[in-house]
Structure formats: C-alpha cells, structure tokens
Amino acid sequence: MGFLRRSLISGGVTKGHCAVYIGESQKKRFVVLVSYLNQPSFQDLSSQAEEEFGFDYPMGGLTIHCKEDVFIDLTSRLRRL
C-alpha cells in the first residue's frame, strides 16, 4: 500500500503527498499523492462531500465524509492511471 498509506500517528507528510481524513463519523488519516487532487474522480468525491457536509476541516487537513472503502477503491483506480 505504498501509494496510499493510512497514518495513525501525527507527523510530517512527505513532499508530493498530502493528508486526507476519510470517514463518516470516525475519521482515519490517509496520505495520498498530491496529483490525486487534480483527478476528476477525486474532485467529484470531494465536491459531493462538500455539498452534503460543507467545507469544515477541524482536523487541519482535507476532510472527505465518505465510506473508507469508497475512498480506497477510488485511489486504487487512480494508481492505475
């Protein structure tokens, strides 16, 4: 899972990556490639979350309210591009 790492410890993020918090109630921190943020499918997921929940980043990073398996499926598909 090198392209997508779930990080349970706080700390720095490697250059070219960003922290994303995923979950519906309990958030998990993932570190993904910054290039994913420009992908239309990632932007669609982010937009859907924004429409439903607004932009509120209490954890200090991008927060997307969605099921963890949906996010993992999306990033797996992006990895193959």
N, C-alpha and C. Protein backbone atom coordinates (compact mmCIF):
# COMPACT_ATOMS: atom_id res chain seq x y z
N MET A 1 0.82 -1.19 0.00
CA MET A 1 0.00 0.00 0.00
C MET A 1 0.86 1.25 0.00
N GLY A 2 1.90 1.29 -0.80
CA GLY A 2 2.79 2.43 -0.82
C GLY A 2 2.15 3.69 -1.36
N PHE A 3 1.22 3.56 -2.32
CA PHE A 3 0.58 4.72 -2.92
C PHE A 3 -0.41 5.36 -1.97
N LEU A 4 -0.90 4.62 -1.03
CA LEU A 4 -1.90 5.11 -0.10
C LEU A 4 -1.57 4.55 1.26
N ARG A 5 -1.23 5.41 2.17
CA ARG A 5 -0.86 4.94 3.50
C ARG A 5 -1.82 5.51 4.51
N ARG A 6 -2.34 4.64 5.35
CA ARG A 6 -3.14 5.13 6.46
C ARG A 6 -2.17 5.44 7.57
N SER A 7 -2.22 6.64 8.05
CA SER A 7 -1.28 7.06 9.09
C SER A 7 -2.04 7.28 10.38
N LEU A 8 -1.69 6.54 11.41
CA LEU A 8 -2.34 6.69 12.69
C LEU A 8 -1.56 7.61 13.62
N ILE A 9 -0.38 8.00 13.21
CA ILE A 9 0.41 8.89 14.05
C ILE A 9 0.46 10.25 13.39
N SER A 10 0.51 11.27 14.21
CA SER A 10 0.63 12.60 13.62
C SER A 10 2.09 12.82 13.25
N GLY A 11 2.28 13.61 12.26
CA GLY A 11 3.64 13.87 11.84
C GLY A 11 3.65 14.50 10.47
N GLY A 12 4.84 14.68 9.97
CA GLY A 12 5.01 15.32 8.68
C GLY A 12 4.53 14.44 7.54
N VAL A 13 4.33 15.09 6.44
CA VAL A 13 3.91 14.41 5.22
C VAL A 13 5.02 14.62 4.20
N THR A 14 5.41 13.56 3.53
CA THR A 14 6.49 13.62 2.56
C THR A 14 6.13 14.55 1.41
N LYS A 15 7.14 15.17 0.84
CA LYS A 15 6.96 16.06 -0.30
C LYS A 15 6.21 15.32 -1.40
N GLY A 16 5.22 16.01 -1.99
CA GLY A 16 4.43 15.42 -3.06
C GLY A 16 3.22 14.66 -2.57
N HIS A 17 2.99 14.68 -1.26
CA HIS A 17 1.85 13.99 -0.65
C HIS A 17 1.05 14.96 0.21
N CYS A 18 -0.17 14.56 0.56
CA CYS A 18 -0.97 15.36 1.48
C CYS A 18 -1.81 14.44 2.35
N ALA A 19 -2.18 14.95 3.50
CA ALA A 19 -3.02 14.18 4.43
C ALA A 19 -4.48 14.42 4.09
N VAL A 20 -5.26 13.35 4.10
CA VAL A 20 -6.69 13.40 3.85
C VAL A 20 -7.36 12.60 4.96
N TYR A 21 -8.40 13.17 5.55
CA TYR A 21 -9.14 12.49 6.60
C TYR A 21 -10.43 11.96 6.00
N ILE A 22 -10.64 10.65 6.15
CA ILE A 22 -11.75 9.97 5.49
C ILE A 22 -12.61 9.30 6.54
N GLY A 23 -13.92 9.36 6.33
CA GLY A 23 -14.83 8.64 7.20
C GLY A 23 -16.14 9.37 7.36
N GLU A 24 -17.13 8.62 7.82
CA GLU A 24 -18.44 9.23 8.01
C GLU A 24 -18.59 9.78 9.43
N SER A 25 -18.15 9.04 10.41
CA SER A 25 -18.19 9.56 11.78
C SER A 25 -16.78 9.59 12.35
N GLN A 26 -16.13 8.46 12.42
CA GLN A 26 -14.75 8.39 12.88
C GLN A 26 -13.83 8.57 11.67
N LYS A 27 -12.96 9.54 11.73
CA LYS A 27 -12.08 9.84 10.60
C LYS A 27 -10.76 9.09 10.72
N LYS A 28 -10.28 8.60 9.58
CA LYS A 28 -8.96 7.99 9.51
C LYS A 28 -8.10 8.85 8.60
N ARG A 29 -6.85 8.96 8.96
CA ARG A 29 -5.92 9.79 8.20
C ARG A 29 -5.20 8.94 7.16
N PHE A 30 -5.25 9.41 5.91
CA PHE A 30 -4.54 8.78 4.82
C PHE A 30 -3.58 9.79 4.23
N VAL A 31 -2.50 9.31 3.69
CA VAL A 31 -1.55 10.18 2.99
C VAL A 31 -1.55 9.75 1.53
N VAL A 32 -1.89 10.68 0.65
CA VAL A 32 -2.01 10.37 -0.77
C VAL A 32 -1.13 11.31 -1.59
N LEU A 33 -0.89 10.93 -2.81
CA LEU A 33 -0.15 11.79 -3.73
C LEU A 33 -0.94 13.06 -4.02
N VAL A 34 -0.28 14.19 -4.05
CA VAL A 34 -0.92 15.46 -4.34
C VAL A 34 -1.57 15.42 -5.72
N SER A 35 -0.99 14.70 -6.64
CA SER A 35 -1.52 14.63 -8.01
C SER A 35 -2.95 14.07 -8.04
N TYR A 36 -3.33 13.29 -7.03
CA TYR A 36 -4.70 12.76 -6.97
C TYR A 36 -5.72 13.89 -6.87
N LEU A 37 -5.34 15.00 -6.23
CA LEU A 37 -6.28 16.10 -6.02
C LEU A 37 -6.74 16.72 -7.33
N ASN A 38 -5.97 16.56 -8.40
CA ASN A 38 -6.32 17.12 -9.70
C ASN A 38 -7.16 16.18 -10.55
N GLN A 39 -7.33 14.96 -10.12
CA GLN A 39 -8.07 13.97 -10.90
C GLN A 39 -9.58 14.23 -10.79
N PRO A 40 -10.30 14.21 -11.92
CA PRO A 40 -11.74 14.49 -11.91
C PRO A 40 -12.52 13.60 -10.93
N SER A 41 -12.19 12.33 -10.85
CA SER A 41 -12.94 11.45 -9.95
C SER A 41 -12.72 11.82 -8.49
N PHE A 42 -11.51 12.25 -8.13
CA PHE A 42 -11.22 12.69 -6.77
C PHE A 42 -11.96 13.99 -6.48
N GLN A 43 -11.96 14.89 -7.45
CA GLN A 43 -12.66 16.16 -7.29
C GLN A 43 -14.16 15.95 -7.17
N ASP A 44 -14.71 14.98 -7.91
CA ASP A 44 -16.13 14.67 -7.80
C ASP A 44 -16.48 14.20 -6.39
N LEU A 45 -15.67 13.30 -5.84
CA LEU A 45 -15.90 12.81 -4.49
C LEU A 45 -15.83 13.96 -3.49
N SER A 46 -14.84 14.81 -3.64
CA SER A 46 -14.68 15.95 -2.75
C SER A 46 -15.86 16.91 -2.87
N SER A 47 -16.32 17.15 -4.08
CA SER A 47 -17.46 18.05 -4.30
C SER A 47 -18.74 17.50 -3.70
N GLN A 48 -18.95 16.19 -3.83
CA GLN A 48 -20.13 15.57 -3.24
C GLN A 48 -20.11 15.73 -1.72
N ALA A 49 -18.95 15.53 -1.13
CA ALA A 49 -18.82 15.69 0.32
C ALA A 49 -19.04 17.14 0.73
N GLU A 50 -18.53 18.06 -0.08
CA GLU A 50 -18.71 19.49 0.22
C GLU A 50 -20.19 19.86 0.17
N GLU A 51 -20.91 19.39 -0.85
CA GLU A 51 -22.32 19.71 -0.99
C GLU A 51 -23.12 19.19 0.21
N GLU A 52 -22.77 18.00 0.66
CA GLU A 52 -23.52 17.38 1.75
C GLU A 52 -23.10 17.90 3.12
N PHE A 53 -21.81 18.13 3.33
CA PHE A 53 -21.31 18.45 4.66
C PHE A 53 -20.64 19.82 4.77
N GLY A 54 -20.40 20.50 3.64
CA GLY A 54 -19.71 21.78 3.66
C GLY A 54 -18.21 21.62 3.80
N PHE A 55 -17.53 22.75 3.78
CA PHE A 55 -16.07 22.73 3.95
C PHE A 55 -15.77 23.00 5.42
N ASP A 56 -15.47 21.99 6.14
CA ASP A 56 -15.11 22.12 7.54
C ASP A 56 -13.96 21.17 7.78
N TYR A 57 -12.79 21.72 8.05
CA TYR A 57 -11.61 20.90 8.23
C TYR A 57 -11.10 20.98 9.66
N PRO A 58 -11.86 20.45 10.62
CA PRO A 58 -11.47 20.57 12.02
C PRO A 58 -10.18 19.82 12.34
N MET A 59 -9.78 18.89 11.50
CA MET A 59 -8.61 18.08 11.79
C MET A 59 -7.34 18.70 11.19
N GLY A 60 -7.49 19.84 10.52
CA GLY A 60 -6.33 20.53 9.97
C GLY A 60 -5.91 20.04 8.60
N GLY A 61 -6.69 19.21 7.98
CA GLY A 61 -6.38 18.70 6.64
C GLY A 61 -7.68 18.50 5.88
N LEU A 62 -7.57 18.16 4.63
CA LEU A 62 -8.73 17.91 3.81
C LEU A 62 -9.54 16.78 4.42
N THR A 63 -10.82 17.02 4.65
CA THR A 63 -11.71 16.02 5.23
C THR A 63 -12.79 15.67 4.21
N ILE A 64 -12.93 14.39 3.92
CA ILE A 64 -13.95 13.94 2.98
C ILE A 64 -14.84 12.95 3.72
N HIS A 65 -16.11 13.29 3.82
CA HIS A 65 -17.07 12.43 4.50
C HIS A 65 -17.56 11.38 3.51
N CYS A 66 -16.99 10.21 3.57
CA CYS A 66 -17.41 9.10 2.73
C CYS A 66 -16.95 7.81 3.40
N LYS A 67 -17.44 6.69 2.90
CA LYS A 67 -17.02 5.41 3.44
C LYS A 67 -15.57 5.15 3.05
N GLU A 68 -14.84 4.55 3.97
CA GLU A 68 -13.42 4.28 3.74
C GLU A 68 -13.21 3.41 2.51
N ASP A 69 -14.05 2.39 2.30
CA ASP A 69 -13.87 1.50 1.15
C ASP A 69 -14.09 2.23 -0.17
N VAL A 70 -14.97 3.23 -0.20
CA VAL A 70 -15.18 4.02 -1.42
C VAL A 70 -13.91 4.80 -1.75
N PHE A 71 -13.30 5.39 -0.73
CA PHE A 71 -12.06 6.15 -0.93
C PHE A 71 -10.92 5.25 -1.38
N ILE A 72 -10.78 4.10 -0.77
CA ILE A 72 -9.72 3.16 -1.14
C ILE A 72 -9.92 2.66 -2.57
N ASP A 73 -11.16 2.39 -2.95
CA ASP A 73 -11.44 1.97 -4.32
C ASP A 73 -11.05 3.07 -5.31
N LEU A 74 -11.41 4.30 -5.00
CA LEU A 74 -11.08 5.43 -5.88
C LEU A 74 -9.56 5.57 -6.03
N THR A 75 -8.84 5.57 -4.93
CA THR A 75 -7.39 5.77 -5.02
C THR A 75 -6.70 4.57 -5.69
N SER A 76 -7.28 3.40 -5.56
CA SER A 76 -6.72 2.23 -6.27
C SER A 76 -6.86 2.42 -7.78
N ARG A 77 -8.01 2.94 -8.21
CA ARG A 77 -8.20 3.19 -9.64
C ARG A 77 -7.26 4.30 -10.14
N LEU A 78 -7.07 5.33 -9.32
CA LEU A 78 -6.17 6.42 -9.71
C LEU A 78 -4.73 5.93 -9.84
N ARG A 79 -4.36 5.01 -9.02
CA ARG A 79 -3.00 4.48 -9.05
C ARG A 79 -2.70 3.81 -10.39
N ARG A 80 -3.73 3.23 -11.01
CA ARG A 80 -3.52 2.50 -12.27
C ARG A 80 -3.45 3.43 -13.48
N LEU A 81 -3.74 4.71 -13.29
CA LEU A 81 -3.70 5.65 -14.43
C LEU A 81 -2.29 5.91 -14.90
